[in-house]
């Protein structure tokens, strides 16, 4: 089976910790490791089946500069890596972010 990495972006007022807590609970992830930079924070958690890298920027320009296909006006990026995409992944992200996540890139690795 081919492993996939899928990139989502959204604008949300939700805090990073709430999103991570919800993902941890739903996907039985270990504790998210959190780090920060000047204008953004990110958190990473993985199991052999699924992994997430969640970033929240302080503004709506930082994330869109990272990848060519990223939509404009976003402050969250969620990178999900998995063998098989959970059927409810988009709905879970929508619920946690209280916004519609935009899938803007999927890569097979």
Protein backbone atom coordinates (compact mmCIF):
# COMPACT_ATOMS: atom_id res chain seq x y z
CA UNK A 1 0.00 0.00 0.00
CA UNK A 2 1.27 3.46 -0.87
CA UNK A 3 1.53 5.99 1.93
CA UNK A 4 0.00 9.41 1.25
CA UNK A 5 0.63 12.88 2.59
CA UNK A 6 -2.30 15.26 2.29
CA UNK A 7 -2.19 19.01 2.94
CA UNK A 8 -5.16 20.98 4.24
CA UNK A 9 -5.44 24.70 4.96
CA UNK A 10 -8.08 26.86 6.64
CA UNK A 11 -8.68 30.10 8.43
CA UNK A 12 -9.84 29.49 12.00
CA UNK A 13 -9.96 31.26 15.34
CA UNK A 14 -9.59 27.91 17.11
CA UNK A 15 -6.40 27.49 19.12
CA UNK A 16 -3.70 24.97 18.22
CA UNK A 17 -4.14 23.00 21.45
CA UNK A 18 -7.85 22.36 20.83
CA UNK A 19 -7.22 21.03 17.33
CA UNK A 20 -4.42 18.79 18.56
CA UNK A 21 -6.46 17.51 21.49
CA UNK A 22 -9.33 16.59 19.19
CA UNK A 23 -7.06 14.80 16.73
CA UNK A 24 -5.31 12.98 19.57
CA UNK A 25 -8.62 11.78 20.96
CA UNK A 26 -10.17 10.73 17.64
CA UNK A 27 -7.12 8.99 16.17
CA UNK A 28 -5.56 7.57 19.37
CA UNK A 29 -2.41 9.62 18.87
CA UNK A 30 0.37 10.11 21.40
CA UNK A 31 0.91 13.52 22.95
CA UNK A 32 1.62 16.23 20.36
CA UNK A 33 5.12 17.70 20.51
CA UNK A 34 4.77 21.50 20.20
CA UNK A 35 7.34 24.02 19.04
CA UNK A 36 7.17 27.64 17.98
CA UNK A 37 8.85 30.21 15.80
CA UNK A 38 8.45 33.97 15.64
CA UNK A 39 5.06 34.05 13.93
CA UNK A 40 3.81 30.46 14.03
CA UNK A 41 3.49 27.37 16.21
CA UNK A 42 3.32 23.76 15.17
CA UNK A 43 2.61 20.38 16.74
CA UNK A 44 3.44 16.86 15.57
CA UNK A 45 2.11 13.45 16.61
CA UNK A 46 2.39 10.10 14.83
CA UNK A 47 1.51 6.45 15.08
CA UNK A 48 2.50 3.79 12.54
CA UNK A 49 -0.96 4.20 10.96
CA UNK A 50 -1.39 7.98 10.86
CA UNK A 51 0.47 11.18 11.63
CA UNK A 52 -0.33 14.87 11.82
CA UNK A 53 1.67 18.07 11.61
CA UNK A 54 -0.57 21.00 12.61
CA UNK A 55 0.57 24.59 12.19
CA UNK A 56 -1.13 27.80 13.27
CA UNK A 57 0.32 31.10 12.09
CA UNK A 58 -0.23 34.50 13.68
CA UNK A 59 -1.20 35.97 10.32
CA UNK A 60 -2.83 34.97 7.02
CA UNK A 61 0.27 35.28 4.84
CA UNK A 62 2.86 32.95 6.35
CA UNK A 63 1.44 29.56 5.39
CA UNK A 64 0.48 30.53 1.84
CA UNK A 65 4.16 31.28 1.15
CA UNK A 66 5.30 27.75 2.01
CA UNK A 67 3.76 25.87 -0.91
CA UNK A 68 2.72 27.01 -4.37
CA UNK A 69 -0.78 25.52 -4.25
CA UNK A 70 -1.71 26.71 -0.76
CA UNK A 71 -4.82 28.89 -0.74
CA UNK A 72 -4.53 32.50 0.40
CA UNK A 73 -5.88 33.92 3.63
CA UNK A 74 -5.29 30.88 5.83
CA UNK A 75 -3.72 30.62 9.27
CA UNK A 76 -3.85 26.81 9.74
CA UNK A 77 -2.11 24.05 7.84
CA UNK A 78 -2.74 20.40 8.66
CA UNK A 79 -0.51 17.81 7.07
CA UNK A 80 -1.88 14.28 7.43
CA UNK A 81 0.15 11.19 6.55
CA UNK A 82 -1.50 7.77 6.28
CA UNK A 83 -1.77 4.50 4.37
CA UNK A 84 -5.56 4.75 4.14
CA UNK A 85 -7.37 8.04 4.69
CA UNK A 86 -9.88 7.85 7.53
CA UNK A 87 -13.35 8.20 6.05
CA UNK A 88 -14.23 10.97 8.51
CA UNK A 89 -10.98 12.96 8.29
CA UNK A 90 -12.44 16.04 6.57
CA UNK A 91 -15.47 16.07 8.88
CA UNK A 92 -13.21 15.81 11.95
CA UNK A 93 -11.05 18.69 10.72
CA UNK A 94 -14.14 20.78 9.92
CA UNK A 95 -15.51 20.17 13.39
CA UNK A 96 -12.24 20.96 15.18
CA UNK A 97 -11.40 24.04 13.12
CA UNK A 98 -15.00 25.30 12.97
CA UNK A 99 -14.15 26.04 9.33
CA UNK A 100 -13.98 24.17 6.04
CA UNK A 101 -10.54 22.64 5.50
CA UNK A 102 -9.27 23.03 1.94
CA UNK A 103 -7.40 20.02 0.60
CA UNK A 104 -4.78 21.56 -1.63
CA UNK A 105 -2.17 18.88 -2.21
CA UNK A 106 -1.82 15.10 -1.94
CA UNK A 107 1.45 13.31 -2.50
CA UNK A 108 2.19 9.61 -2.59
CA UNK A 109 5.37 8.76 -0.74
